[in-house]
């Protein structure tokens, strides 16, 4: 696979909705320890709405598709995650405007724009125990793949799929690395030192989203 079309991006989001529904209780358990106990429910609700309404979005223009998804998430996710995930998709949409498909370079630019938008909105930096700690390493992995493409025999699915596998793995590692961190942003920051020892739910949902994208690219 060399590119992701609008249809494939829609398939990713439908897969993500299924995964987030399946992992809803896990995310809620993570959030119960350091947040408001609603992250799993909020994410599942938002992506279920995306799945229900994605048929009405323009798949011929990836930018329009991503912007539409961002607007749905803004209006349905709730809590702090709605504005952050909405920003991720809407900032990515700006980079993808008018594109019929995204290659690796374009996808990396979209996710990097989304990351920058999240950081502007949430004022978070790496190490603050937020979704930035998963999305940042994933973006770095995609950019590294652009600089040093994998060997032809390394994995299946083509360069884009291999890069997404590595990005998803980087996001997983980033999410797990939030366990010892003391939260400096969001609801968890109110706990101070007591926030250490728990995996950040936002970083975890970001990993699940990217894992779903990688799975779609290799399907």
C-alpha atoms as a PDB file:
ATOM      1  CA  UNK A   1       0.000   0.000   0.000  1.00  0.00           C
ATOM      2  CA  UNK A   2       1.390   3.385  -1.031  1.00  0.00           C
ATOM      3  CA  UNK A   3      -1.536   5.671  -0.129  1.00  0.00           C
ATOM      4  CA  UNK A   4      -4.654   5.879   2.007  1.00  0.00           C
ATOM      5  CA  UNK A   5      -7.793   6.821   0.082  1.00  0.00           C
ATOM      6  CA  UNK A   6     -10.867   8.421   1.547  1.00  0.00           C
ATOM      7  CA  UNK A   7     -12.563   5.010   1.599  1.00  0.00           C
ATOM      8  CA  UNK A   8      -9.639   3.510   3.514  1.00  0.00           C
ATOM      9  CA  UNK A   9      -9.664   6.382   6.011  1.00  0.00           C
ATOM     10  CA  UNK A  10     -13.376   5.805   6.513  1.00  0.00           C
ATOM     11  CA  UNK A  11     -12.638   2.101   7.074  1.00  0.00           C
ATOM     12  CA  UNK A  12     -10.006   3.088   9.664  1.00  0.00           C
ATOM     13  CA  UNK A  13     -12.504   5.213  11.575  1.00  0.00           C
ATOM     14  CA  UNK A  14     -15.113   2.462  11.500  1.00  0.00           C
ATOM     15  CA  UNK A  15     -12.518   0.018  12.851  1.00  0.00           C
ATOM     16  CA  UNK A  16     -11.490   2.554  15.501  1.00  0.00           C
ATOM     17  CA  UNK A  17     -15.112   2.872  16.610  1.00  0.00           C
ATOM     18  CA  UNK A  18     -15.278  -0.888  17.111  1.00  0.00           C
ATOM     19  CA  UNK A  19     -11.990  -0.973  19.026  1.00  0.00           C
ATOM     20  CA  UNK A  20     -12.920   1.931  21.281  1.00  0.00           C
ATOM     21  CA  UNK A  21     -16.244   0.297  22.076  1.00  0.00           C
ATOM     22  CA  UNK A  22     -14.434  -2.940  22.916  1.00  0.00           C
ATOM     23  CA  UNK A  23     -11.863  -1.117  25.070  1.00  0.00           C
ATOM     24  CA  UNK A  24     -14.350   1.284  26.663  1.00  0.00           C
ATOM     25  CA  UNK A  25     -14.172  -0.329  30.093  1.00  0.00           C
ATOM     26  CA  UNK A  26     -10.368  -0.496  30.012  1.00  0.00           C
ATOM     27  CA  UNK A  27     -10.118   3.222  29.227  1.00  0.00           C
ATOM     28  CA  UNK A  28     -12.657   4.014  31.914  1.00  0.00           C
ATOM     29  CA  UNK A  29     -10.672   2.017  34.476  1.00  0.00           C
ATOM     30  CA  UNK A  30      -7.547   3.985  33.581  1.00  0.00           C
ATOM     31  CA  UNK A  31      -9.467   7.247  33.881  1.00  0.00           C
ATOM     32  CA  UNK A  32     -11.044   6.226  37.191  1.00  0.00           C
ATOM     33  CA  UNK A  33      -7.579   6.199  38.762  1.00  0.00           C
ATOM     34  CA  UNK A  34      -6.545   9.719  37.753  1.00  0.00           C
ATOM     35  CA  UNK A  35      -9.491  11.412  36.014  1.00  0.00           C
ATOM     36  CA  UNK A  36     -13.267  11.627  35.870  1.00  0.00           C
ATOM     37  CA  UNK A  37     -13.993   7.976  34.978  1.00  0.00           C
ATOM     38  CA  UNK A  38     -15.568   8.953  31.658  1.00  0.00           C
ATOM     39  CA  UNK A  39     -12.842   8.734  29.022  1.00  0.00           C
ATOM     40  CA  UNK A  40     -13.856   5.320  27.734  1.00  0.00           C
ATOM     41  CA  UNK A  41     -17.523   6.237  27.529  1.00  0.00           C
ATOM     42  CA  UNK A  42     -16.776   9.570  25.884  1.00  0.00           C
ATOM     43  CA  UNK A  43     -14.449   8.123  23.247  1.00  0.00           C
ATOM     44  CA  UNK A  44     -16.785   5.254  22.416  1.00  0.00           C
ATOM     45  CA  UNK A  45     -19.717   7.645  22.070  1.00  0.00           C
ATOM     46  CA  UNK A  46     -17.786  10.029  19.825  1.00  0.00           C
ATOM     47  CA  UNK A  47     -16.496   7.399  17.422  1.00  0.00           C
ATOM     48  CA  UNK A  48     -19.826   5.608  17.349  1.00  0.00           C
ATOM     49  CA  UNK A  49     -21.268   8.908  16.124  1.00  0.00           C
ATOM     50  CA  UNK A  50     -18.505   9.123  13.519  1.00  0.00           C
ATOM     51  CA  UNK A  51     -19.329   5.608  12.299  1.00  0.00           C
ATOM     52  CA  UNK A  52     -23.031   6.440  12.085  1.00  0.00           C
ATOM     53  CA  UNK A  53     -22.494   9.657  10.134  1.00  0.00           C
ATOM     54  CA  UNK A  54     -19.424   8.945   8.033  1.00  0.00           C
ATOM     55  CA  UNK A  55     -21.547   7.836   5.081  1.00  0.00           C
ATOM     56  CA  UNK A  56     -22.652  11.442   4.642  1.00  0.00           C
ATOM     57  CA  UNK A  57     -19.118  12.836   4.473  1.00  0.00           C
ATOM     58  CA  UNK A  58     -17.154  13.507   1.284  1.00  0.00           C
ATOM     59  CA  UNK A  59     -14.644  10.680   0.774  1.00  0.00           C
ATOM     60  CA  UNK A  60     -13.291  12.184  -2.437  1.00  0.00           C
ATOM     61  CA  UNK A  61     -11.620  14.998  -0.504  1.00  0.00           C
ATOM     62  CA  UNK A  62      -9.633  13.649   2.450  1.00  0.00           C
ATOM     63  CA  UNK A  63      -9.421  17.122   3.964  1.00  0.00           C
ATOM     64  CA  UNK A  64     -13.193  17.503   3.943  1.00  0.00           C
ATOM     65  CA  UNK A  65     -13.582  14.000   5.381  1.00  0.00           C
ATOM     66  CA  UNK A  66     -11.167  14.659   8.256  1.00  0.00           C
ATOM     67  CA  UNK A  67     -12.724  18.029   8.980  1.00  0.00           C
ATOM     68  CA  UNK A  68     -16.162  16.454   9.134  1.00  0.00           C
ATOM     69  CA  UNK A  69     -14.874  13.844  11.574  1.00  0.00           C
ATOM     70  CA  UNK A  70     -13.322  16.557  13.716  1.00  0.00           C
ATOM     71  CA  UNK A  71     -16.599  18.424  13.901  1.00  0.00           C
ATOM     72  CA  UNK A  72     -18.471  15.267  14.922  1.00  0.00           C
ATOM     73  CA  UNK A  73     -15.949  14.564  17.670  1.00  0.00           C
ATOM     74  CA  UNK A  74     -16.114  18.137  18.934  1.00  0.00           C
ATOM     75  CA  UNK A  75     -19.871  17.859  19.328  1.00  0.00           C
ATOM     76  CA  UNK A  76     -20.107  14.339  20.762  1.00  0.00           C
ATOM     77  CA  UNK A  77     -17.040  13.282  22.745  1.00  0.00           C
ATOM     78  CA  UNK A  78     -17.388  15.615  25.708  1.00  0.00           C
ATOM     79  CA  UNK A  79     -14.898  16.420  28.441  1.00  0.00           C
ATOM     80  CA  UNK A  80     -11.393  17.587  27.591  1.00  0.00           C
ATOM     81  CA  UNK A  81     -10.978  14.901  24.949  1.00  0.00           C
ATOM     82  CA  UNK A  82     -13.587  16.321  22.564  1.00  0.00           C
ATOM     83  CA  UNK A  83     -11.713  19.548  21.831  1.00  0.00           C
ATOM     84  CA  UNK A  84      -8.370  17.725  21.679  1.00  0.00           C
ATOM     85  CA  UNK A  85      -9.431  14.957  19.304  1.00  0.00           C
ATOM     86  CA  UNK A  86     -11.498  17.438  17.328  1.00  0.00           C
ATOM     87  CA  UNK A  87      -8.394  19.594  16.963  1.00  0.00           C
ATOM     88  CA  UNK A  88      -6.322  16.590  15.863  1.00  0.00           C
ATOM     89  CA  UNK A  89      -8.641  15.864  12.951  1.00  0.00           C
ATOM     90  CA  UNK A  90      -9.387  19.456  11.996  1.00  0.00           C
ATOM     91  CA  UNK A  91      -5.707  20.458  11.900  1.00  0.00           C
ATOM     92  CA  UNK A  92      -4.916  17.326   9.897  1.00  0.00           C
ATOM     93  CA  UNK A  93      -7.728  18.325   7.535  1.00  0.00           C
ATOM     94  CA  UNK A  94      -6.010  21.598   6.701  1.00  0.00           C
ATOM     95  CA  UNK A  95      -2.938  19.702   5.482  1.00  0.00           C
ATOM     96  CA  UNK A  96      -5.078  17.240   3.517  1.00  0.00           C
ATOM     97  CA  UNK A  97      -7.339  19.803   1.860  1.00  0.00           C
ATOM     98  CA  UNK A  98      -8.251  18.762  -1.673  1.00  0.00           C
ATOM     99  CA  UNK A  99      -6.312  15.487  -1.568  1.00  0.00           C
ATOM    100  CA  UNK A 100      -7.917  12.331  -2.929  1.00  0.00           C
ATOM    101  CA  UNK A 101      -5.468  10.156  -0.963  1.00  0.00           C
ATOM    102  CA  UNK A 102      -2.551  10.480   1.466  1.00  0.00           C
ATOM    103  CA  UNK A 103       0.901   9.011   0.942  1.00  0.00           C
ATOM    104  CA  UNK A 104       3.342   8.537   3.831  1.00  0.00           C
ATOM    105  CA  UNK A 105       4.727  12.063   3.603  1.00  0.00           C
ATOM    106  CA  UNK A 106       1.261  13.621   3.542  1.00  0.00           C
ATOM    107  CA  UNK A 107       0.021  11.442   6.397  1.00  0.00           C
ATOM    108  CA  UNK A 108       3.041  12.342   8.530  1.00  0.00           C
ATOM    109  CA  UNK A 109       2.392  16.036   7.826  1.00  0.00           C
ATOM    110  CA  UNK A 110      -1.284  15.637   8.772  1.00  0.00           C
ATOM    111  CA  UNK A 111      -0.550  13.949  12.084  1.00  0.00           C
ATOM    112  CA  UNK A 112       2.235  16.397  12.875  1.00  0.00           C
ATOM    113  CA  UNK A 113      -0.171  19.295  12.269  1.00  0.00           C
ATOM    114  CA  UNK A 114      -2.678  17.580  14.536  1.00  0.00           C
ATOM    115  CA  UNK A 115      -0.044  17.141  17.234  1.00  0.00           C
ATOM    116  CA  UNK A 116       0.929  20.796  17.018  1.00  0.00           C
ATOM    117  CA  UNK A 117      -2.714  21.822  17.251  1.00  0.00           C
ATOM    118  CA  UNK A 118      -3.227  19.680  20.355  1.00  0.00           C
ATOM    119  CA  UNK A 119      -0.155  21.187  21.966  1.00  0.00           C
ATOM    120  CA  UNK A 120      -1.352  24.707  21.248  1.00  0.00           C
ATOM    121  CA  UNK A 121      -4.784  23.983  22.667  1.00  0.00           C
ATOM    122  CA  UNK A 122      -3.752  21.936  25.679  1.00  0.00           C
ATOM    123  CA  UNK A 123      -0.380  23.596  26.350  1.00  0.00           C
ATOM    124  CA  UNK A 124       1.110  20.134  26.852  1.00  0.00           C
ATOM    125  CA  UNK A 125       4.656  19.037  26.100  1.00  0.00           C
ATOM    126  CA  UNK A 126       6.197  15.553  26.110  1.00  0.00           C
ATOM    127  CA  UNK A 127       6.392  14.205  29.636  1.00  0.00           C
ATOM    128  CA  UNK A 128       3.243  15.948  30.868  1.00  0.00           C
ATOM    129  CA  UNK A 129       1.358  12.603  30.920  1.00  0.00           C
ATOM    130  CA  UNK A 130      -1.099  13.338  28.113  1.00  0.00           C
ATOM    131  CA  UNK A 131      -1.956  12.032  24.648  1.00  0.00           C
ATOM    132  CA  UNK A 132       1.058  13.999  23.392  1.00  0.00           C
ATOM    133  CA  UNK A 133       3.246  11.281  24.918  1.00  0.00           C
ATOM    134  CA  UNK A 134       1.754   8.733  22.494  1.00  0.00           C
ATOM    135  CA  UNK A 135       1.117  10.886  19.425  1.00  0.00           C
ATOM    136  CA  UNK A 136       4.540  12.572  19.503  1.00  0.00           C
ATOM    137  CA  UNK A 137       6.518   9.320  19.228  1.00  0.00           C
ATOM    138  CA  UNK A 138       4.158   8.094  16.510  1.00  0.00           C
ATOM    139  CA  UNK A 139       4.790  11.212  14.437  1.00  0.00           C
ATOM    140  CA  UNK A 140       8.525  10.823  15.013  1.00  0.00           C
ATOM    141  CA  UNK A 141       8.324   7.224  13.777  1.00  0.00           C
ATOM    142  CA  UNK A 142       6.565   8.286  10.580  1.00  0.00           C
ATOM    143  CA  UNK A 143       9.140  11.009   9.946  1.00  0.00           C
ATOM    144  CA  UNK A 144      11.949   8.531  10.580  1.00  0.00           C
ATOM    145  CA  UNK A 145      10.386   6.192   8.000  1.00  0.00           C
ATOM    146  CA  UNK A 146      10.521   9.005   5.473  1.00  0.00           C
ATOM    147  CA  UNK A 147      14.225   9.547   6.137  1.00  0.00           C
ATOM    148  CA  UNK A 148      15.163   5.854   6.092  1.00  0.00           C
ATOM    149  CA  UNK A 149      12.574   3.693   4.290  1.00  0.00           C
ATOM    150  CA  UNK A 150      12.364   0.079   5.453  1.00  0.00           C
ATOM    151  CA  UNK A 151      13.870  -2.660   3.356  1.00  0.00           C
ATOM    152  CA  UNK A 152      11.549  -4.219   0.819  1.00  0.00           C
ATOM    153  CA  UNK A 153      11.408  -7.497   2.712  1.00  0.00           C
ATOM    154  CA  UNK A 154      10.698  -5.956   6.113  1.00  0.00           C
ATOM    155  CA  UNK A 155       7.100  -6.873   6.923  1.00  0.00           C
ATOM    156  CA  UNK A 156       4.088  -6.747   4.617  1.00  0.00           C
ATOM    157  CA  UNK A 157       1.714  -4.231   3.186  1.00  0.00           C
ATOM    158  CA  UNK A 158       4.228  -1.839   1.640  1.00  0.00           C
ATOM    159  CA  UNK A 159       6.181   1.113   3.044  1.00  0.00           C
ATOM    160  CA  UNK A 160       3.139   2.996   4.327  1.00  0.00           C
ATOM    161  CA  UNK A 161       1.790  -0.010   6.221  1.00  0.00           C
ATOM    162  CA  UNK A 162       5.210  -0.768   7.713  1.00  0.00           C
ATOM    163  CA  UNK A 163       5.624   2.847   8.804  1.00  0.00           C
ATOM    164  CA  UNK A 164       2.188   2.817  10.423  1.00  0.00           C
ATOM    165  CA  UNK A 165       3.036  -0.389  12.278  1.00  0.00           C
ATOM    166  CA  UNK A 166       6.099   1.328  13.694  1.00  0.00           C
ATOM    167  CA  UNK A 167       4.116   4.440  14.539  1.00  0.00           C
ATOM    168  CA  UNK A 168       1.513   2.380  16.393  1.00  0.00           C
ATOM    169  CA  UNK A 169       4.244   0.569  18.307  1.00  0.00           C
ATOM    170  CA  UNK A 170       5.843   3.900  19.209  1.00  0.00           C
ATOM    171  CA  UNK A 171       2.480   5.159  20.452  1.00  0.00           C
ATOM    172  CA  UNK A 172       2.015   2.025  22.562  1.00  0.00           C
ATOM    173  CA  UNK A 173       5.443   2.456  24.103  1.00  0.00           C
ATOM    174  CA  UNK A 174       4.739   6.134  24.685  1.00  0.00           C
ATOM    175  CA  UNK A 175       1.446   5.390  26.410  1.00  0.00           C
ATOM    176  CA  UNK A 176       3.046   2.776  28.656  1.00  0.00           C
ATOM    177  CA  UNK A 177       5.863   5.192  29.479  1.00  0.00           C
ATOM    178  CA  UNK A 178       3.325   7.548  31.072  1.00  0.00           C
ATOM    179  CA  UNK A 179       2.887   5.157  34.019  1.00  0.00           C
ATOM    180  CA  UNK A 180       5.693   6.583  36.214  1.00  0.00           C
ATOM    181  CA  UNK A 181       5.093  10.198  35.184  1.00  0.00           C
ATOM    182  CA  UNK A 182       3.539  12.856  37.397  1.00  0.00           C
ATOM    183  CA  UNK A 183       0.769  14.578  35.451  1.00  0.00           C
ATOM    184  CA  UNK A 184       1.299  18.258  34.751  1.00  0.00           C
ATOM    185  CA  UNK A 185      -1.802  18.877  32.637  1.00  0.00           C
ATOM    186  CA  UNK A 186      -5.480  17.983  32.780  1.00  0.00           C
ATOM    187  CA  UNK A 187      -7.594  16.544  35.565  1.00  0.00           C
ATOM    188  CA  UNK A 188      -4.820  14.165  36.609  1.00  0.00           C
ATOM    189  CA  UNK A 189      -2.529  17.087  37.463  1.00  0.00           C
ATOM    190  CA  UNK A 190      -4.748  17.862  40.469  1.00  0.00           C
ATOM    191  CA  UNK A 191      -3.488  14.647  42.081  1.00  0.00           C
ATOM    192  CA  UNK A 192       0.150  15.716  41.971  1.00  0.00           C
ATOM    193  CA  UNK A 193       2.501  12.884  42.935  1.00  0.00           C
ATOM    194  CA  UNK A 194      -0.449  10.509  43.338  1.00  0.00           C
ATOM    195  CA  UNK A 195      -0.902  10.520  39.539  1.00  0.00           C
ATOM    196  CA  UNK A 196       2.321   8.512  39.190  1.00  0.00           C
ATOM    197  CA  UNK A 197       1.893   4.774  38.802  1.00  0.00           C
ATOM    198  CA  UNK A 198      -1.062   4.996  36.410  1.00  0.00           C
ATOM    199  CA  UNK A 199      -1.181   4.887  32.599  1.00  0.00           C
ATOM    200  CA  UNK A 200      -2.668   7.976  30.998  1.00  0.00           C
ATOM    201  CA  UNK A 201      -6.057   7.224  29.408  1.00  0.00           C
ATOM    202  CA  UNK A 202      -5.700   9.870  26.681  1.00  0.00           C
ATOM    203  CA  UNK A 203      -2.329   8.498  25.576  1.00  0.00           C
ATOM    204  CA  UNK A 204      -3.884   5.036  25.588  1.00  0.00           C
ATOM    205  CA  UNK A 205      -6.863   5.985  23.413  1.00  0.00           C
ATOM    206  CA  UNK A 206      -4.446   7.690  21.018  1.00  0.00           C
ATOM    207  CA  UNK A 207      -2.490   4.449  20.767  1.00  0.00           C
ATOM    208  CA  UNK A 208      -5.689   2.493  20.097  1.00  0.00           C
ATOM    209  CA  UNK A 209      -6.588   4.939  17.331  1.00  0.00           C
ATOM    210  CA  UNK A 210      -3.195   4.542  15.671  1.00  0.00           C
ATOM    211  CA  UNK A 211      -3.248   0.768  16.139  1.00  0.00           C
ATOM    212  CA  UNK A 212      -6.548   0.740  14.270  1.00  0.00           C
ATOM    213  CA  UNK A 213      -5.015   2.808  11.479  1.00  0.00           C
ATOM    214  CA  UNK A 214      -2.079   0.411  11.156  1.00  0.00           C
ATOM    215  CA  UNK A 215      -4.427  -2.581  11.088  1.00  0.00           C
ATOM    216  CA  UNK A 216      -6.477  -0.968   8.320  1.00  0.00           C
ATOM    217  CA  UNK A 217      -3.392  -0.304   6.231  1.00  0.00           C
ATOM    218  CA  UNK A 218      -2.355  -3.966   6.373  1.00  0.00           C
ATOM    219  CA  UNK A 219      -5.855  -5.418   5.858  1.00  0.00           C
END
